[in-house]
Protein backbone atom coordinates (compact mmCIF):
# COMPACT_ATOMS: atom_id res chain seq x y z
CA UNK A 1 6.20 -21.38 -21.36
CA UNK A 2 3.41 -23.13 -23.12
CA UNK A 3 3.30 -26.03 -21.15
CA UNK A 4 3.11 -24.56 -18.00
CA UNK A 5 -0.20 -24.82 -16.42
CA UNK A 6 -1.73 -23.56 -12.88
CA UNK A 7 -2.42 -27.32 -12.10
CA UNK A 8 1.23 -27.44 -11.69
CA UNK A 9 2.05 -24.76 -9.85
CA UNK A 10 -0.42 -25.68 -6.95
CA UNK A 11 1.26 -28.83 -5.54
CA UNK A 12 2.23 -29.33 -1.55
CA UNK A 13 5.34 -29.15 -2.66
CA UNK A 14 7.28 -27.42 -5.20
CA UNK A 15 10.69 -27.35 -6.73
CA UNK A 16 10.74 -24.15 -9.11
CA UNK A 17 13.57 -23.97 -11.17
CA UNK A 18 13.06 -20.14 -13.26
CA UNK A 19 16.07 -18.72 -15.27
CA UNK A 20 16.84 -16.00 -13.22
CA UNK A 21 16.07 -16.07 -9.05
CA UNK A 22 16.12 -12.64 -7.52
CA UNK A 23 18.32 -13.29 -4.28
CA UNK A 24 19.40 -11.03 -1.22
CA UNK A 25 22.99 -11.86 -2.71
CA UNK A 26 21.59 -10.63 -6.42
CA UNK A 27 20.15 -11.94 -9.07
CA UNK A 28 21.33 -15.84 -9.45
CA UNK A 29 21.36 -17.98 -12.67
CA UNK A 30 20.82 -21.78 -12.54
CA UNK A 31 19.26 -21.43 -8.97
CA UNK A 32 16.11 -23.32 -7.80
CA UNK A 33 13.85 -23.42 -4.77
CA UNK A 34 11.67 -25.99 -3.26
CA UNK A 35 8.77 -24.25 -1.19
CA UNK A 36 6.50 -26.38 0.85
CA UNK A 37 3.81 -25.72 3.74
CA UNK A 38 3.95 -22.23 3.07
CA UNK A 39 8.15 -21.22 3.25
CA UNK A 40 10.72 -21.30 1.01
CA UNK A 41 12.47 -24.56 2.20
CA UNK A 42 15.53 -24.96 0.29
CA UNK A 43 17.31 -21.97 -2.25
CA UNK A 44 20.78 -23.11 -4.23
CA UNK A 45 22.25 -24.51 -7.42
CA UNK A 46 19.52 -26.08 -9.69
CA UNK A 47 22.15 -29.71 -9.06
CA UNK A 48 22.15 -29.55 -4.85
CA UNK A 49 18.52 -28.63 -4.84
CA UNK A 50 17.42 -31.71 -7.38
CA UNK A 51 20.17 -33.92 -6.16
CA UNK A 52 18.88 -33.40 -2.63
CA UNK A 53 14.76 -33.48 -3.70
CA UNK A 54 14.91 -36.28 -4.79
CA UNK A 55 10.83 -36.66 -4.44
CA UNK A 56 9.92 -33.58 -6.33
CA UNK A 57 9.98 -33.54 -10.25
CA UNK A 58 11.67 -30.11 -11.01
CA UNK A 59 8.97 -27.16 -12.66
CA UNK A 60 11.47 -25.70 -15.38
CA UNK A 61 10.51 -22.29 -16.02
CA UNK A 62 12.44 -20.65 -19.38
CA UNK A 63 11.85 -16.64 -19.64
CA UNK A 64 10.93 -16.96 -15.93
CA UNK A 65 12.30 -14.71 -12.76
CA UNK A 66 11.23 -15.33 -9.46
CA UNK A 67 11.45 -12.69 -7.70
CA UNK A 68 9.81 -11.93 -3.72
CA UNK A 69 6.34 -10.46 -4.02
CA UNK A 70 6.44 -6.44 -3.86
CA UNK A 71 5.17 -4.94 -0.34
CA UNK A 72 3.38 -2.27 0.04
CA UNK A 73 3.70 -0.48 2.92
CA UNK A 74 0.73 1.98 3.03
CA UNK A 75 -2.80 0.98 1.69
CA UNK A 76 -6.26 1.90 2.49
CA UNK A 77 -8.65 -1.34 1.59
CA UNK A 78 -11.69 0.18 2.38
CA UNK A 79 -11.06 3.11 -0.15
CA UNK A 80 -11.05 1.74 -3.42
CA UNK A 81 -14.46 2.88 -4.50
CA UNK A 82 -13.13 6.32 -4.42
CA UNK A 83 -10.55 5.89 -7.16
CA UNK A 84 -10.38 8.87 -9.40
CA UNK A 85 -12.55 11.49 -6.61
CA UNK A 86 -8.66 11.84 -5.55
CA UNK A 87 -8.09 13.29 -8.65
CA UNK A 88 -6.95 16.80 -9.07
CA UNK A 89 -7.60 17.62 -5.34
CA UNK A 90 -5.75 19.94 -2.98
CA UNK A 91 -4.07 18.55 0.08
CA UNK A 92 -6.16 16.80 3.33
CA UNK A 93 -8.57 15.21 0.88
CA UNK A 94 -8.92 12.75 3.38
CA UNK A 95 -11.86 15.41 5.17
CA UNK A 96 -13.48 15.48 2.63
CA UNK A 97 -13.57 12.49 0.57
CA UNK A 98 -11.99 9.20 2.42
CA UNK A 99 -13.68 10.04 5.98
CA UNK A 100 -16.91 9.89 4.77
CA UNK A 101 -16.76 7.24 1.67
CA UNK A 102 -15.80 4.34 4.29
CA UNK A 103 -18.31 5.75 6.75
CA UNK A 104 -21.06 5.29 4.65
CA UNK A 105 -19.98 1.31 3.90
CA UNK A 106 -21.72 -1.20 5.16
CA UNK A 107 -20.60 -4.76 5.77
CA UNK A 108 -21.32 -5.88 2.32
CA UNK A 109 -19.53 -2.70 0.83
CA UNK A 110 -17.11 -3.04 3.26
CA UNK A 111 -16.13 -6.31 2.43
CA UNK A 112 -16.35 -6.27 -1.26
CA UNK A 113 -14.24 -2.65 -1.29
CA UNK A 114 -11.32 -4.12 0.46
CA UNK A 115 -11.32 -8.11 -1.31
CA UNK A 116 -11.77 -5.26 -4.64
CA UNK A 117 -8.28 -3.41 -3.22
CA UNK A 118 -6.94 -6.67 -2.26
CA UNK A 119 -6.80 -8.20 -6.05
CA UNK A 120 -5.84 -5.08 -7.73
CA UNK A 121 -3.12 -5.38 -5.34
CA UNK A 122 -2.36 -8.72 -6.08
CA UNK A 123 -2.67 -8.01 -10.44
CA UNK A 124 0.23 -5.20 -9.57
CA UNK A 125 2.20 -8.00 -7.53
CA UNK A 126 2.01 -7.05 -4.16
CA UNK A 127 2.12 -9.73 -1.53
CA UNK A 128 1.22 -7.97 1.54
CA UNK A 129 -0.40 -4.70 2.60
CA UNK A 130 0.05 -3.07 5.37
CA UNK A 131 -4.15 -1.71 5.71
CA UNK A 132 -3.65 1.90 7.61
CA UNK A 133 -7.15 1.34 9.31
CA UNK A 134 -10.74 2.21 8.08
CA UNK A 135 -13.32 4.69 9.32
CA UNK A 136 -16.03 2.38 8.14
CA UNK A 137 -18.17 1.09 11.65
CA UNK A 138 -17.89 -2.35 10.51
CA UNK A 139 -16.31 -5.53 12.24
CA UNK A 140 -12.24 -4.99 11.75
CA UNK A 141 -12.80 -8.58 10.65
CA UNK A 142 -14.71 -7.45 7.31
CA UNK A 143 -11.42 -6.33 5.75
CA UNK A 144 -9.57 -9.15 7.87
CA UNK A 145 -12.29 -11.47 5.81
CA UNK A 146 -11.81 -10.23 2.65
CA UNK A 147 -7.88 -10.25 2.67
CA UNK A 148 -7.59 -13.58 3.62
CA UNK A 149 -10.66 -14.30 0.81
CA UNK A 150 -8.54 -12.57 -1.77
CA UNK A 151 -4.94 -14.09 -0.69
CA UNK A 152 -3.17 -11.73 0.74
CA UNK A 153 -1.08 -10.67 3.25
CA UNK A 154 -2.17 -8.09 5.56
CA UNK A 155 -1.23 -5.33 8.27
CA UNK A 156 -4.04 -5.43 9.72
CA UNK A 157 -4.44 -1.61 11.58
CA UNK A 158 -7.06 -0.92 14.24
CA UNK A 159 -7.32 3.23 14.54
CA UNK A 160 -6.78 4.31 18.69
CA UNK A 161 -8.32 7.73 17.63
CA UNK A 162 -9.52 9.21 21.05
CA UNK A 163 -9.94 12.53 20.35
CA UNK A 164 -11.61 14.96 17.59
CA UNK A 165 -9.36 15.89 14.79
CA UNK A 166 -12.18 17.91 12.84
CA UNK A 167 -13.53 13.68 10.93
CA UNK A 168 -14.84 12.02 14.36
CA UNK A 169 -15.34 12.66 18.07
CA UNK A 170 -14.12 12.30 21.62
CA UNK A 171 -13.52 8.57 23.09
CA UNK A 172 -12.94 6.99 26.05
CA UNK A 173 -9.11 6.33 25.74
CA UNK A 174 -9.77 2.79 28.01
CA UNK A 175 -12.00 1.89 25.87
CA UNK A 176 -10.05 2.78 22.46
CA UNK A 177 -6.67 0.84 24.28
CA UNK A 178 -8.82 -2.40 25.58
CA UNK A 179 -9.68 -2.58 21.67
CA UNK A 180 -6.05 -2.07 20.97
CA UNK A 181 -5.07 -5.10 23.02
CA UNK A 182 -8.17 -7.25 21.85
CA UNK A 183 -7.15 -6.54 18.27
CA UNK A 184 -3.57 -7.82 19.82
CA UNK A 185 -4.49 -11.12 20.43
CA UNK A 186 -6.98 -11.55 18.30
CA UNK A 187 -4.36 -11.96 15.24
CA UNK A 188 -1.51 -13.23 16.54
CA UNK A 189 -1.35 -16.54 15.35
CA UNK A 190 -3.51 -15.36 12.06
CA UNK A 191 -1.61 -16.75 9.21
CA UNK A 192 -2.36 -14.51 6.84
CA UNK A 193 -3.32 -10.80 8.88
CA UNK A 194 -0.97 -9.54 11.03
CA UNK A 195 -2.41 -7.16 13.64
CA UNK A 196 -1.10 -3.95 14.04
CA UNK A 197 -2.69 -0.30 15.82
CA UNK A 198 -3.19 2.93 14.10
CA UNK A 199 -3.86 6.86 14.07
CA UNK A 200 -4.86 9.01 12.29
CA UNK A 201 -2.79 11.97 12.46
CA UNK A 202 -1.15 12.56 15.62
CA UNK A 203 -3.60 15.50 16.23
CA UNK A 204 -6.57 12.48 16.54
CA UNK A 205 -5.34 10.73 19.62
CA UNK A 206 -3.95 12.37 23.35
CA UNK A 207 -1.13 12.05 24.59
CA UNK A 208 -1.11 9.25 26.85
CA UNK A 209 -3.06 7.31 24.39
CA UNK A 210 0.03 7.63 21.28
CA UNK A 211 2.05 7.17 24.08
CA UNK A 212 0.41 3.95 25.04
CA UNK A 213 -0.47 2.43 21.27
CA UNK A 214 3.79 2.89 21.31
CA UNK A 215 4.05 0.88 24.18
CA UNK A 216 1.66 -1.94 23.59
CA UNK A 217 2.83 -1.79 19.76
CA UNK A 218 6.62 -2.29 21.21
CA UNK A 219 5.58 -5.56 23.58
CA UNK A 220 3.29 -7.53 20.45
CA UNK A 221 6.62 -6.89 17.81
CA UNK A 222 4.00 -4.89 15.23
CA UNK A 223 3.61 -1.51 14.11
CA UNK A 224 1.62 1.35 14.69
CA UNK A 225 0.61 3.39 11.58
CA UNK A 226 0.21 7.04 11.69
CA UNK A 227 0.37 9.49 8.88
CA UNK A 228 2.85 12.42 9.56
CA UNK A 229 4.56 15.27 8.28
CA UNK A 230 2.19 14.98 4.96
CA UNK A 231 0.30 18.35 4.59
CA UNK A 232 1.28 22.05 5.22
CA UNK A 233 -1.70 22.30 7.28
CA UNK A 234 -1.09 19.66 9.82
CA UNK A 235 2.39 20.86 10.70
CA UNK A 236 1.56 24.08 10.92
CA UNK A 237 -1.92 22.81 13.30
CA UNK A 238 1.24 21.10 15.20
CA UNK A 239 3.27 24.28 15.80
CA UNK A 240 0.01 26.30 17.12
CA UNK A 241 -1.25 23.83 19.39
CA UNK A 242 1.95 21.93 20.48
CA UNK A 243 4.57 24.80 19.73
CA UNK A 244 5.91 21.11 17.58
CA UNK A 245 6.19 19.86 14.37
CA UNK A 246 4.28 16.31 14.80
CA UNK A 247 7.15 14.35 13.92
CA UNK A 248 8.93 16.30 16.41
CA UNK A 249 5.80 15.90 18.83
CA UNK A 250 5.54 12.48 18.87
CA UNK A 251 9.39 12.18 20.05
CA UNK A 252 7.90 14.37 22.74
CA UNK A 253 5.36 12.44 24.17
CA UNK A 254 7.12 8.80 23.38
CA UNK A 255 5.55 7.47 20.53
CA UNK A 256 8.66 7.38 18.16
CA UNK A 257 11.01 4.77 17.94
CA UNK A 258 11.10 1.18 15.73
CA UNK A 259 7.61 0.42 16.29
CA UNK A 260 6.08 3.61 14.40
CA UNK A 261 5.60 3.16 10.79
CA UNK A 262 4.94 6.51 9.81
CA UNK A 263 3.42 7.22 6.66
CA UNK A 264 4.25 9.69 4.04
CA UNK A 265 6.65 11.69 6.49
CA UNK A 266 7.23 14.37 3.42
CA UNK A 267 7.59 17.94 5.22
CA UNK A 268 11.46 17.64 7.27
CA UNK A 269 13.51 19.43 8.56
CA UNK A 270 17.19 18.38 8.55
CA UNK A 271 16.78 17.99 12.50
CA UNK A 272 13.67 15.30 11.91
CA UNK A 273 15.86 13.54 9.82
CA UNK A 274 18.01 13.02 12.73
CA UNK A 275 14.97 11.94 14.95
CA UNK A 276 14.32 8.89 12.23
CA UNK A 277 17.92 8.21 12.09
CA UNK A 278 18.23 8.27 15.94
CA UNK A 279 14.66 6.75 16.40
CA UNK A 280 14.57 3.72 14.46
CA UNK A 281 11.38 4.77 13.52
CA UNK A 282 10.10 2.91 9.58
CA UNK A 283 8.53 5.05 6.78
CA UNK A 284 6.58 4.37 4.01
CA UNK A 285 7.56 6.40 1.58
CA UNK A 286 4.79 6.80 -0.90
CA UNK A 287 5.57 8.86 -4.29
CA UNK A 288 2.56 8.60 -6.34
CA UNK A 289 0.27 10.24 -3.59
CA UNK A 290 3.10 13.03 -3.36
CA UNK A 291 2.32 13.35 -7.02
CA UNK A 292 -1.25 13.21 -6.87
CA UNK A 293 -2.11 14.79 -3.46
CA UNK A 294 1.25 16.15 -1.29
CA UNK A 295 2.61 19.07 -0.75
CA UNK A 296 6.05 17.10 -0.72
CA UNK A 297 8.25 14.47 -1.45
CA UNK A 298 10.14 12.42 1.54
CA UNK A 299 13.70 12.59 0.30
CA UNK A 300 13.77 8.80 0.43
CA UNK A 301 17.57 9.06 -1.07
CA UNK A 302 18.98 10.56 2.31
CA UNK A 303 16.98 7.86 4.27
CA UNK A 304 18.71 5.51 2.06
CA UNK A 305 22.00 7.25 2.71
CA UNK A 306 21.05 7.92 6.90
CA UNK A 307 19.85 3.92 7.03
CA UNK A 308 16.37 5.41 8.11
CA UNK A 309 14.20 2.19 7.50
CA UNK A 310 12.09 2.77 4.72
CA UNK A 311 9.40 1.03 2.33
CA UNK A 312 7.44 1.96 -0.87
CA UNK A 313 4.03 2.90 -0.36
CA UNK A 314 0.57 3.39 -2.49
CA UNK A 315 -1.41 4.68 -0.32
CA UNK A 316 -4.03 3.24 -1.89
CA UNK A 317 -3.83 4.73 -5.67
CA UNK A 318 -2.93 2.62 -7.90
CA UNK A 319 -1.63 -0.86 -7.11
CA UNK A 320 0.90 -1.38 -9.28
CA UNK A 321 4.36 -2.50 -7.34
CA UNK A 322 6.47 -1.68 -10.91
CA UNK A 323 5.26 1.39 -11.60
CA UNK A 324 5.07 2.25 -7.40
CA UNK A 325 9.39 1.40 -7.53
CA UNK A 326 9.10 3.61 -11.16
CA UNK A 327 7.67 6.50 -9.14
CA UNK A 328 10.08 6.12 -6.26
CA UNK A 329 13.31 6.78 -8.52
CA UNK A 330 11.69 9.22 -10.37
CA UNK A 331 10.08 11.18 -8.37
CA UNK A 332 14.13 10.99 -6.46
CA UNK A 333 15.30 12.67 -9.50
CA UNK A 334 12.91 15.17 -10.25
CA UNK A 335 13.20 16.65 -7.13
CA UNK A 336 16.64 15.86 -5.70
CA UNK A 337 19.15 14.52 -8.43
CA UNK A 338 18.33 16.81 -11.63
CA UNK A 339 19.51 19.63 -9.00
CA UNK A 340 22.80 18.10 -7.60
CA UNK A 341 23.60 16.46 -10.57
CA UNK A 342 23.04 12.95 -9.03
CA UNK A 343 22.24 10.42 -12.35
CA UNK A 344 21.67 7.65 -10.28
CA UNK A 345 19.52 8.62 -7.22
CA UNK A 346 19.75 5.42 -5.27
CA UNK A 347 19.90 2.87 -8.99
CA UNK A 348 18.18 0.87 -9.24
CA UNK A 349 18.62 -1.99 -6.41
CA UNK A 350 17.86 0.15 -3.77
CA UNK A 351 14.32 0.89 -5.18
CA UNK A 352 14.10 -3.09 -5.50
CA UNK A 353 14.83 -3.52 -2.08
CA UNK A 354 13.04 -1.09 -0.83
CA UNK A 355 9.56 -2.62 -2.49
CA UNK A 356 10.12 -6.17 -1.10
CA UNK A 357 12.39 -6.39 2.26
CA UNK A 358 12.59 -3.00 3.21
CA UNK A 359 9.17 -2.39 2.71
CA UNK A 360 8.85 -5.92 4.84
CA UNK A 361 11.27 -4.59 7.74
CA UNK A 362 8.93 -1.56 7.75
CA UNK A 363 6.20 -2.80 8.46
CA UNK A 364 6.84 -5.14 11.19
CA UNK A 365 8.07 -8.62 9.04
CA UNK A 366 11.23 -8.31 8.29
CA UNK A 367 11.89 -11.55 9.33
CA UNK A 368 8.71 -13.01 7.64
CA UNK A 369 8.73 -12.34 4.29
CA UNK A 370 10.47 -10.26 1.41
CA UNK A 371 12.93 -12.02 0.85
CA UNK A 372 13.77 -15.23 -1.11
CA UNK A 373 15.77 -17.46 1.49
CA UNK A 374 14.91 -20.56 3.44
CA UNK A 375 12.45 -20.19 6.01
CA UNK A 376 10.90 -17.48 4.72
CA UNK A 377 7.17 -17.02 3.67
CA UNK A 378 7.16 -18.40 -0.09
CA UNK A 379 5.35 -14.55 -1.33
CA UNK A 380 6.47 -15.14 -4.67
CA UNK A 381 6.17 -13.26 -8.64
CA UNK A 382 7.09 -15.66 -11.46
CA UNK A 383 7.48 -12.89 -14.20
CA UNK A 384 8.23 -13.80 -17.74
CA UNK A 385 11.35 -11.95 -18.92
CA UNK A 386 11.39 -12.96 -22.56
CA UNK A 387 9.34 -9.73 -23.99
CA UNK A 388 11.06 -6.94 -25.57
CA UNK A 389 11.25 -4.69 -22.70
CA UNK A 390 13.26 -6.92 -20.61
CA UNK A 391 15.76 -8.31 -23.72
CA UNK A 392 18.80 -7.58 -23.70
CA UNK A 393 19.21 -7.74 -20.21
CA UNK A 394 22.72 -6.38 -18.88
CA UNK A 395 21.02 -4.54 -15.18
CA UNK A 396 18.03 -6.70 -14.01
CA UNK A 397 17.09 -4.65 -10.67
CA UNK A 398 17.17 -1.52 -12.23
CA UNK A 399 15.36 -3.04 -15.69
CA UNK A 400 12.56 -4.27 -13.21
CA UNK A 401 12.26 -0.79 -11.40
CA UNK A 402 12.55 1.06 -14.88
CA UNK A 403 10.74 -1.26 -17.34
CA UNK A 404 8.93 -3.91 -15.06
CA UNK A 405 5.01 -4.05 -15.88
CA UNK A 406 1.97 -6.15 -14.47
CA UNK A 407 1.21 -7.54 -17.66
CA UNK A 408 4.33 -9.68 -17.42
CA UNK A 409 3.08 -11.27 -13.94
CA UNK A 410 2.56 -14.99 -14.69
CA UNK A 411 2.09 -15.73 -11.55
CA UNK A 412 1.68 -14.77 -7.23
CA UNK A 413 2.26 -17.03 -4.96
CA UNK A 414 1.44 -16.50 -1.27
CA UNK A 415 2.54 -18.24 1.95
CA UNK A 416 3.51 -20.69 -1.12
CA UNK A 417 -0.41 -20.95 -2.59
CA UNK A 418 -0.91 -19.53 -6.31
CA UNK A 419 -3.19 -16.90 -5.90
CA UNK A 420 -2.89 -15.07 -9.17
CA UNK A 421 -2.40 -16.40 -12.75
CA UNK A 422 -1.91 -14.20 -15.32
CA UNK A 423 -3.98 -11.20 -13.60
CA UNK A 424 -6.99 -13.81 -12.25
CA UNK A 425 -7.01 -15.47 -9.19
CA UNK A 426 -7.95 -19.15 -10.20
CA UNK A 427 -10.23 -20.21 -7.43
CA UNK A 428 -12.00 -17.90 -7.15
CA UNK A 429 -14.37 -15.82 -9.08
CA UNK A 430 -12.13 -12.28 -9.37
CA UNK A 431 -14.99 -10.89 -12.82
CA UNK A 432 -18.01 -11.34 -10.47
CA UNK A 433 -16.70 -9.29 -7.74
CA UNK A 434 -15.41 -6.46 -10.21
CA UNK A 435 -19.13 -6.63 -11.15
CA UNK A 436 -20.34 -6.54 -7.44
CA UNK A 437 -17.93 -3.49 -7.00
CA UNK A 438 -19.35 -1.37 -10.00
CA UNK A 439 -22.59 -2.09 -8.59
CA UNK A 440 -22.36 -0.49 -5.22
CA UNK A 441 -19.13 1.27 -5.48
CA UNK A 442 -21.81 4.40 -6.94
CA UNK A 443 -24.23 3.87 -4.55
CA UNK A 444 -21.79 4.31 -1.04
CA UNK A 445 -20.10 7.33 -2.60
CA UNK A 446 -23.36 9.01 -3.14
CA UNK A 447 -24.82 7.84 0.26
CA UNK A 448 -21.52 9.18 1.39
CA UNK A 449 -22.10 13.38 0.77
CA UNK A 450 -18.58 13.11 -0.68
CA UNK A 451 -17.08 16.30 -1.92
CA UNK A 452 -14.66 17.49 -4.42
CA UNK A 453 -13.03 20.81 -5.16
CA UNK A 454 -12.28 19.77 -8.76
CA UNK A 455 -14.57 18.98 -11.45
CA UNK A 456 -14.06 16.28 -13.63
CA UNK A 457 -11.48 16.28 -16.83
CA UNK A 458 -14.77 16.33 -19.05
CA UNK A 459 -16.14 19.27 -17.46
CA UNK A 460 -13.06 20.81 -16.85
CA UNK A 461 -12.63 21.00 -20.33
CA UNK A 462 -16.00 22.41 -20.99
CA UNK A 463 -14.91 24.77 -18.53
CA UNK A 464 -12.04 25.47 -20.35
CA UNK A 465 -13.69 25.65 -23.45
CA UNK A 466 -16.39 27.86 -22.95
CA UNK A 467 -15.75 31.73 -22.77
CA UNK A 468 -18.34 31.60 -19.89
CA UNK A 469 -17.87 28.10 -18.44
CA UNK A 470 -15.96 29.57 -15.61
CA UNK A 471 -17.49 28.41 -12.15
CA UNK A 472 -17.24 29.30 -8.32
CA UNK A 473 -15.13 26.23 -6.35
CA UNK A 474 -16.77 23.82 -5.12
CA UNK A 475 -19.68 24.01 -7.73
CA UNK A 476 -22.34 21.03 -7.59
CA UNK A 477 -21.93 18.58 -10.89
CA UNK A 478 -23.39 15.99 -12.03
CA UNK A 479 -23.53 14.13 -15.33
CA UNK A 480 -26.55 12.51 -17.30
CA UNK A 481 -29.97 12.48 -15.34
CA UNK A 482 -28.09 11.59 -11.86
CA UNK A 483 -28.23 14.51 -9.98
CA UNK A 484 -25.52 15.38 -7.27
CA UNK A 485 -26.14 14.09 -3.74
CA UNK A 486 -25.79 18.33 -1.71
CA UNK A 487 -23.23 18.43 0.80
CA UNK A 488 -24.13 18.13 4.56
CA UNK A 489 -25.57 20.84 5.88
CA UNK A 490 -22.86 24.26 6.89
CA UNK A 491 -19.94 21.88 4.13
CA UNK A 492 -18.01 24.57 2.65
CA UNK A 493 -17.77 22.37 -0.31
CA UNK A 494 -20.08 21.79 -3.19
CA UNK A 495 -20.56 17.98 -3.93
CA UNK A 496 -18.88 17.36 -7.32
CA UNK A 497 -20.29 13.55 -7.21
CA UNK A 498 -21.10 12.40 -11.93
CA UNK A 499 -22.55 9.73 -13.05
CA UNK A 500 -20.12 6.62 -13.27
CA UNK A 501 -19.78 5.25 -17.10
CA UNK A 502 -20.12 2.02 -18.28
CA UNK A 503 -16.56 0.45 -18.24
CA UNK A 504 -15.35 2.93 -16.14
CA UNK A 505 -14.53 5.28 -19.19
CA UNK A 506 -15.99 8.83 -19.74
């Protein structure tokens, strides 16, 4: 591979000959692909592809696997400045961290935050992300521009909340729906940005708006992204308010159906699992988010058995497709498999497929991306399998799930264009973006008045080793000479805003 350079992969048309091509039929050797005008024009045996495309010079890729790019079925691009602020926190952190943080963003910081998240996603092998709607008070085109400029495909949600859920005010439903229609029209023909609608949680929209957004999305062939049955307190609030659990309530108001992308769906009764199966609703299974800040793990192996459409989402936790697929299988095995003696939990192909084609279907792009087939968008990865992690190879899909890592990524392509080469973009300054994010992030977080219930690791360790180190909940903490920003008046939590460490270390 020493003679392979980015320039050889930046041609208008490419005939690529990897060692293995991951297709819907499984891993195939001696196969080649032709990429032209942003799509796969041909996929088939090397001899036939070379013979039928004599004008193209084959680019041999020894030691490389060509596979579909990962699809992140649930992300929050403008929350990237928060990072580790979610660590150790109890559920519904969005009320204390994410909403204040996003609302403190201006145009530059929103753009930088979104592009930073997009870059991290590309570095982790994601070629598509579903942005679940920002609370930043900027034109959503700021987020769209960041995604385009980074070179990632984005299903861009527009928040359509019109009822206060404790994080915002009531809004005029007519204005909300008019904005939704404009959003769908605005990005209907965009090459990389695909419009969708979003409601933060069912309680954040009136029944009429929930039903109306469902109709608008269905008519436009897109999705409505809603966080559903994620936290116990939210399920209980819905029961108290409506006598129905959140998913049941969405059925009641006419918002359940193939146009719904339900994020998390972790707290489900057997009857609700049947609702998903019967309605054709899609789910974003977010295993890392469940481990870090949730109340339960979605029954994804049951989803697979019941034919429920689902993909894998990061929820902004970490942009690494290999670790996400590993977490998806690992969480099922720990939560459900061990107790039942299920040593497979769907096997590797289940999680690889849900991380790619299944995710594309869940976010409304199943006919466009997620597979290496003629006519699909050329969103793909070149993965170096020549290292010790993958040799000898016996079961490539499962090896990619359990042993693959983003360090093996040679190249990332979106719409047929080289977007990442050995971890960095070849046509824009990635390190400069990271440096700017390091400057802006702390300013935004402190301006936001973000509050946390859990101390930093260093502070927690000090408390644990100091006899009188115990502190009351929600203590205001800071490191160095920089004071923490006090919480908003009347806020029940103290502000936990340590000074960021140089280089991201503490």
